Amino acid sequence: DDVLEQVTLMNKSIERLIERFPEQYMWTYKRFKSANSYD
């Protein structure tokens, strides 16, 4: 299977869940830091 297609489907599924249940998403979790982050 095409990896890009599978990852895109997975991300869209997660996106739909976040849109449906935004209170369940960990908005304060900083998984990715920007290159300019000083935290």
C-alpha atoms as a PDB file:
ATOM      1  CA  ASP A   1       0.000   0.000   0.000  1.00  0.00           C
ATOM      2  CA  ASP A   2       0.995   3.591  -0.486  1.00  0.00           C
ATOM      3  CA  VAL A   3       2.409   4.883   2.802  1.00  0.00           C
ATOM      4  CA  LEU A   4       1.544   8.509   2.048  1.00  0.00           C
ATOM      5  CA  GLU A   5      -2.067   7.571   1.339  1.00  0.00           C
ATOM      6  CA  GLN A   6      -2.334   5.581   4.570  1.00  0.00           C
ATOM      7  CA  VAL A   7      -0.796   8.354   6.682  1.00  0.00           C
ATOM      8  CA  THR A   8      -3.092  10.914   5.066  1.00  0.00           C
ATOM      9  CA  LEU A   9      -6.135   8.786   5.898  1.00  0.00           C
ATOM     10  CA  MET A  10      -4.936   8.358   9.471  1.00  0.00           C
ATOM     11  CA  ASN A  11      -4.402  12.106   9.907  1.00  0.00           C
ATOM     12  CA  LYS A  12      -7.816  12.903   8.441  1.00  0.00           C
ATOM     13  CA  SER A  13      -9.406  10.438  10.857  1.00  0.00           C
ATOM     14  CA  ILE A  14      -7.663  12.090  13.792  1.00  0.00           C
ATOM     15  CA  GLU A  15      -8.665  15.517  12.486  1.00  0.00           C
ATOM     16  CA  ARG A  16     -12.327  14.465  12.331  1.00  0.00           C
ATOM     17  CA  LEU A  17     -12.177  13.154  15.890  1.00  0.00           C
ATOM     18  CA  ILE A  18     -10.657  16.409  17.142  1.00  0.00           C
ATOM     19  CA  GLU A  19     -13.346  18.405  15.340  1.00  0.00           C
ATOM     20  CA  ARG A  20     -16.039  16.205  16.861  1.00  0.00           C
ATOM     21  CA  PHE A  21     -14.591  16.103  20.399  1.00  0.00           C
ATOM     22  CA  PRO A  22     -12.273  19.130  20.788  1.00  0.00           C
ATOM     23  CA  GLU A  23     -12.410  18.893  24.581  1.00  0.00           C
ATOM     24  CA  GLN A  24     -10.655  15.513  24.380  1.00  0.00           C
ATOM     25  CA  TYR A  25      -7.628  16.839  22.491  1.00  0.00           C
ATOM     26  CA  MET A  26      -4.537  17.697  24.522  1.00  0.00           C
ATOM     27  CA  TRP A  27      -4.216  21.317  23.373  1.00  0.00           C
ATOM     28  CA  THR A  28      -1.504  22.151  25.925  1.00  0.00           C
ATOM     29  CA  TYR A  29       0.770  19.220  25.037  1.00  0.00           C
ATOM     30  CA  LYS A  30       3.829  20.637  23.244  1.00  0.00           C
ATOM     31  CA  ARG A  31       4.992  17.643  21.242  1.00  0.00           C
ATOM     32  CA  PHE A  32       6.830  19.643  18.609  1.00  0.00           C
ATOM     33  CA  LYS A  33       8.929  22.673  19.366  1.00  0.00           C
ATOM     34  CA  SER A  34       9.827  25.215  16.749  1.00  0.00           C
ATOM     35  CA  ALA A  35      13.455  25.909  15.901  1.00  0.00           C
ATOM     36  CA  ASN A  36      13.037  29.342  17.503  1.00  0.00           C
ATOM     37  CA  SER A  37      11.587  28.005  20.741  1.00  0.00           C
ATOM     38  CA  TYR A  38      13.366  29.025  23.922  1.00  0.00           C
ATOM     39  CA  ASP A  39      11.316  26.806  26.254  1.00  0.00           C
END
